[in-house]
Structures are given as structure tokens and as C-alpha cells.
């Protein structure tokens, strides 16, 4: 079921770009803004140290790309976000994000702060509902 995801021009049919933003809180559940920042995002949960799982309300046949950044208010926090496993389910899709340090070890992001957030885009094509 296509519920108005924005179409992108490109060489792949039915490309869908889903933007997201949430506020991590170290080893606690994140704060997730509601629409319009997270259209089609069902939930964002902290799974374990440095691991977040995004659930999308639609199912897709092909995951193309995950892009995410960690914004922090303090200097010297050497952590980045990388895409993890993707599960293309029958009624929803999940995408994992890993927060890693410069050595590649999975780490929690800093504690809650209005200037600490993770945001990015998920790119899919060929929606299962189309």
C-alpha cells in the first residue's frame, strides 16, 4: 500500500526515501518526534549497547541504502552511525543502526541532550504494496 511516499527520479523503479530523526539517551530508549519528521516510522527502539532498530510501517522488496549521522553537542565524542542488518518483512521492514567508535567498537551515544540526535535517510525500491 503506497501511502504517498515521495517518488524520486532515478534509474530504479519505485524508489522511496524515508527520512528519520530521533534523540538517543545513552543506554535508554530514545525520544522519537512525531510527524512530520518520522512519517512511516512505526518505532525506534534501543536494543542493546549502541544498537537501535527502526521499524517502518510498509514492506519493501529491496533495501538500497542507509545513511545516518550522529549529531552531538560536546567536542571529542568520536562516534559515528553505520547501517546494520535489514529485515524485509511481510507487513513491515526493520533497519538496524550501530553507533561505533573510531576503533569500530559498538558504543552507546551520549546521554540525552537537545543537541544530540541521530538522523538520516533509508532508501528502498519496489514497495511490496505497489
C-alpha atoms as a PDB file:
ATOM      1  CA  UNK A   1       0.000   0.000   0.000  1.00  0.00           C
ATOM      2  CA  UNK A   2       1.628   3.226  -1.161  1.00  0.00           C
ATOM      3  CA  UNK A   3       0.529   5.979   1.197  1.00  0.00           C
ATOM      4  CA  UNK A   4       2.113   8.936  -0.512  1.00  0.00           C
ATOM      5  CA  UNK A   5       5.837   8.329  -0.108  1.00  0.00           C
ATOM      6  CA  UNK A   6       7.696  10.823  -2.221  1.00  0.00           C
ATOM      7  CA  UNK A   7       8.848   9.498  -5.568  1.00  0.00           C
ATOM      8  CA  UNK A   8      12.469  10.090  -6.590  1.00  0.00           C
ATOM      9  CA  UNK A   9      13.746  10.374 -10.149  1.00  0.00           C
ATOM     10  CA  UNK A  10      16.378   7.799 -10.944  1.00  0.00           C
ATOM     11  CA  UNK A  11      17.260   4.588 -12.694  1.00  0.00           C
ATOM     12  CA  UNK A  12      15.446   2.279 -10.250  1.00  0.00           C
ATOM     13  CA  UNK A  13      11.641   1.911 -10.294  1.00  0.00           C
ATOM     14  CA  UNK A  14       9.588   2.921  -7.260  1.00  0.00           C
ATOM     15  CA  UNK A  15      12.445   4.398  -5.237  1.00  0.00           C
ATOM     16  CA  UNK A  16      11.283   5.521  -1.776  1.00  0.00           C
ATOM     17  CA  UNK A  17      13.297   7.734   0.540  1.00  0.00           C
ATOM     18  CA  UNK A  18      12.278   7.734   4.199  1.00  0.00           C
ATOM     19  CA  UNK A  19      13.849  10.382   6.422  1.00  0.00           C
ATOM     20  CA  UNK A  20      14.098   9.909  10.191  1.00  0.00           C
ATOM     21  CA  UNK A  21      15.319  11.676  13.319  1.00  0.00           C
ATOM     22  CA  UNK A  22      15.431  10.611  16.962  1.00  0.00           C
ATOM     23  CA  UNK A  23      17.128  11.681  20.177  1.00  0.00           C
ATOM     24  CA  UNK A  24      19.239   8.940  21.819  1.00  0.00           C
ATOM     25  CA  UNK A  25      19.749   8.787  25.577  1.00  0.00           C
ATOM     26  CA  UNK A  26      22.861   6.669  26.170  1.00  0.00           C
ATOM     27  CA  UNK A  27      21.576   3.234  27.280  1.00  0.00           C
ATOM     28  CA  UNK A  28      17.889   4.187  27.457  1.00  0.00           C
ATOM     29  CA  UNK A  29      15.025   4.279  24.975  1.00  0.00           C
ATOM     30  CA  UNK A  30      15.286   7.240  22.587  1.00  0.00           C
ATOM     31  CA  UNK A  31      12.856  10.109  22.250  1.00  0.00           C
ATOM     32  CA  UNK A  32      11.187   9.980  18.840  1.00  0.00           C
ATOM     33  CA  UNK A  33       9.492  13.080  17.400  1.00  0.00           C
ATOM     34  CA  UNK A  34       6.133  12.524  15.758  1.00  0.00           C
ATOM     35  CA  UNK A  35       5.088  13.525  12.260  1.00  0.00           C
ATOM     36  CA  UNK A  36       6.155  15.141  10.065  1.00  0.00           C
ATOM     37  CA  UNK A  37       9.749  14.213  10.996  1.00  0.00           C
ATOM     38  CA  UNK A  38       9.131  10.481  11.077  1.00  0.00           C
ATOM     39  CA  UNK A  39       6.397   9.690   8.578  1.00  0.00           C
ATOM     40  CA  UNK A  40       6.093   5.919   8.056  1.00  0.00           C
ATOM     41  CA  UNK A  41       8.309   5.135  11.076  1.00  0.00           C
ATOM     42  CA  UNK A  42       6.385   2.848  13.439  1.00  0.00           C
ATOM     43  CA  UNK A  43       9.019   2.791  16.183  1.00  0.00           C
ATOM     44  CA  UNK A  44      12.643   3.403  17.074  1.00  0.00           C
ATOM     45  CA  UNK A  45      13.945   1.310  19.963  1.00  0.00           C
ATOM     46  CA  UNK A  46      17.251   0.934  21.764  1.00  0.00           C
ATOM     47  CA  UNK A  47      18.003  -2.809  21.530  1.00  0.00           C
ATOM     48  CA  UNK A  48      21.375  -3.028  23.272  1.00  0.00           C
ATOM     49  CA  UNK A  49      24.593  -1.052  23.594  1.00  0.00           C
ATOM     50  CA  UNK A  50      24.819   1.217  20.557  1.00  0.00           C
ATOM     51  CA  UNK A  51      22.144  -0.686  18.621  1.00  0.00           C
ATOM     52  CA  UNK A  52      18.899   0.963  17.508  1.00  0.00           C
ATOM     53  CA  UNK A  53      16.122  -0.680  15.492  1.00  0.00           C
ATOM     54  CA  UNK A  54      13.840   1.347  13.227  1.00  0.00           C
ATOM     55  CA  UNK A  55      10.553  -0.257  12.202  1.00  0.00           C
ATOM     56  CA  UNK A  56       8.866   1.052   9.060  1.00  0.00           C
ATOM     57  CA  UNK A  57       5.140   0.605   8.550  1.00  0.00           C
ATOM     58  CA  UNK A  58       5.451  -0.629   4.946  1.00  0.00           C
ATOM     59  CA  UNK A  59       7.146  -3.660   3.486  1.00  0.00           C
ATOM     60  CA  UNK A  60       9.688  -3.313   0.706  1.00  0.00           C
ATOM     61  CA  UNK A  61      11.294  -5.813  -1.660  1.00  0.00           C
ATOM     62  CA  UNK A  62      14.737  -4.223  -1.870  1.00  0.00           C
ATOM     63  CA  UNK A  63      16.831  -2.127   0.519  1.00  0.00           C
ATOM     64  CA  UNK A  64      19.183   0.169  -1.366  1.00  0.00           C
ATOM     65  CA  UNK A  65      20.897   2.416   1.167  1.00  0.00           C
ATOM     66  CA  UNK A  66      21.064   3.539   4.801  1.00  0.00           C
ATOM     67  CA  UNK A  67      22.598   6.891   5.626  1.00  0.00           C
ATOM     68  CA  UNK A  68      22.729   8.216   9.202  1.00  0.00           C
ATOM     69  CA  UNK A  69      24.677  10.734  11.258  1.00  0.00           C
ATOM     70  CA  UNK A  70      25.139  11.329  14.973  1.00  0.00           C
ATOM     71  CA  UNK A  71      24.963  14.976  15.981  1.00  0.00           C
ATOM     72  CA  UNK A  72      26.413  15.739  19.430  1.00  0.00           C
ATOM     73  CA  UNK A  73      26.754  18.923  21.460  1.00  0.00           C
ATOM     74  CA  UNK A  74      30.103  18.086  23.068  1.00  0.00           C
ATOM     75  CA  UNK A  75      33.530  18.077  21.460  1.00  0.00           C
ATOM     76  CA  UNK A  76      35.621  14.920  21.466  1.00  0.00           C
ATOM     77  CA  UNK A  77      32.794  12.396  21.035  1.00  0.00           C
ATOM     78  CA  UNK A  78      34.354  10.259  18.318  1.00  0.00           C
ATOM     79  CA  UNK A  79      31.392   8.112  17.290  1.00  0.00           C
ATOM     80  CA  UNK A  80      29.619   7.543  14.020  1.00  0.00           C
ATOM     81  CA  UNK A  81      26.495   5.696  12.903  1.00  0.00           C
ATOM     82  CA  UNK A  82      26.517   2.887  10.370  1.00  0.00           C
ATOM     83  CA  UNK A  83      23.740   0.808   8.871  1.00  0.00           C
ATOM     84  CA  UNK A  84      23.248  -2.690  10.206  1.00  0.00           C
ATOM     85  CA  UNK A  85      21.040  -5.648   9.282  1.00  0.00           C
ATOM     86  CA  UNK A  86      17.802  -5.024   7.375  1.00  0.00           C
ATOM     87  CA  UNK A  87      14.780  -7.333   7.582  1.00  0.00           C
ATOM     88  CA  UNK A  88      12.291  -7.037   4.737  1.00  0.00           C
ATOM     89  CA  UNK A  89       9.160  -8.432   6.368  1.00  0.00           C
ATOM     90  CA  UNK A  90       5.726  -9.308   5.031  1.00  0.00           C
ATOM     91  CA  UNK A  91       3.995  -6.380   6.730  1.00  0.00           C
ATOM     92  CA  UNK A  92       6.836  -4.147   7.957  1.00  0.00           C
ATOM     93  CA  UNK A  93      10.554  -3.534   7.491  1.00  0.00           C
ATOM     94  CA  UNK A  94      13.222  -3.151  10.172  1.00  0.00           C
ATOM     95  CA  UNK A  95      16.590  -1.439   9.824  1.00  0.00           C
ATOM     96  CA  UNK A  96      19.290  -1.577  12.494  1.00  0.00           C
ATOM     97  CA  UNK A  97      21.700   1.274  13.189  1.00  0.00           C
ATOM     98  CA  UNK A  98      25.004   0.792  15.014  1.00  0.00           C
ATOM     99  CA  UNK A  99      26.812   3.570  16.877  1.00  0.00           C
ATOM    100  CA  UNK A 100      30.534   2.828  16.663  1.00  0.00           C
ATOM    101  CA  UNK A 101      33.715   4.494  17.916  1.00  0.00           C
ATOM    102  CA  UNK A 102      36.917   5.066  15.923  1.00  0.00           C
ATOM    103  CA  UNK A 103      38.104   1.524  16.708  1.00  0.00           C
ATOM    104  CA  UNK A 104      34.872   0.031  15.332  1.00  0.00           C
ATOM    105  CA  UNK A 105      33.518  -0.986  18.749  1.00  0.00           C
ATOM    106  CA  UNK A 106      29.786  -0.559  19.264  1.00  0.00           C
ATOM    107  CA  UNK A 107      29.180   2.162  21.860  1.00  0.00           C
ATOM    108  CA  UNK A 108      26.197   4.000  23.285  1.00  0.00           C
ATOM    109  CA  UNK A 109      25.856   7.607  22.185  1.00  0.00           C
ATOM    110  CA  UNK A 110      25.985  10.394  24.812  1.00  0.00           C
ATOM    111  CA  UNK A 111      23.158  10.975  27.289  1.00  0.00           C
ATOM    112  CA  UNK A 112      20.038  12.902  26.327  1.00  0.00           C
ATOM    113  CA  UNK A 113      20.544  16.466  25.207  1.00  0.00           C
ATOM    114  CA  UNK A 114      18.514  18.631  22.844  1.00  0.00           C
ATOM    115  CA  UNK A 115      21.571  18.853  20.576  1.00  0.00           C
ATOM    116  CA  UNK A 116      22.260  15.100  20.485  1.00  0.00           C
ATOM    117  CA  UNK A 117      20.377  13.282  17.763  1.00  0.00           C
ATOM    118  CA  UNK A 118      20.627  10.622  15.071  1.00  0.00           C
ATOM    119  CA  UNK A 119      19.091  11.422  11.715  1.00  0.00           C
ATOM    120  CA  UNK A 120      19.280  10.108   8.199  1.00  0.00           C
ATOM    121  CA  UNK A 121      17.555   8.504   5.266  1.00  0.00           C
ATOM    122  CA  UNK A 122      16.574   4.984   4.313  1.00  0.00           C
ATOM    123  CA  UNK A 123      16.278   4.214   0.602  1.00  0.00           C
ATOM    124  CA  UNK A 124      14.165   1.358  -0.726  1.00  0.00           C
ATOM    125  CA  UNK A 125      12.747   0.418  -4.087  1.00  0.00           C
ATOM    126  CA  UNK A 126       9.836  -1.608  -5.397  1.00  0.00           C
ATOM    127  CA  UNK A 127       7.411  -1.330  -2.491  1.00  0.00           C
ATOM    128  CA  UNK A 128       5.772  -4.656  -1.720  1.00  0.00           C
ATOM    129  CA  UNK A 129       2.435  -2.888  -1.598  1.00  0.00           C
ATOM    130  CA  UNK A 130       2.650  -1.468  -5.120  1.00  0.00           C
END
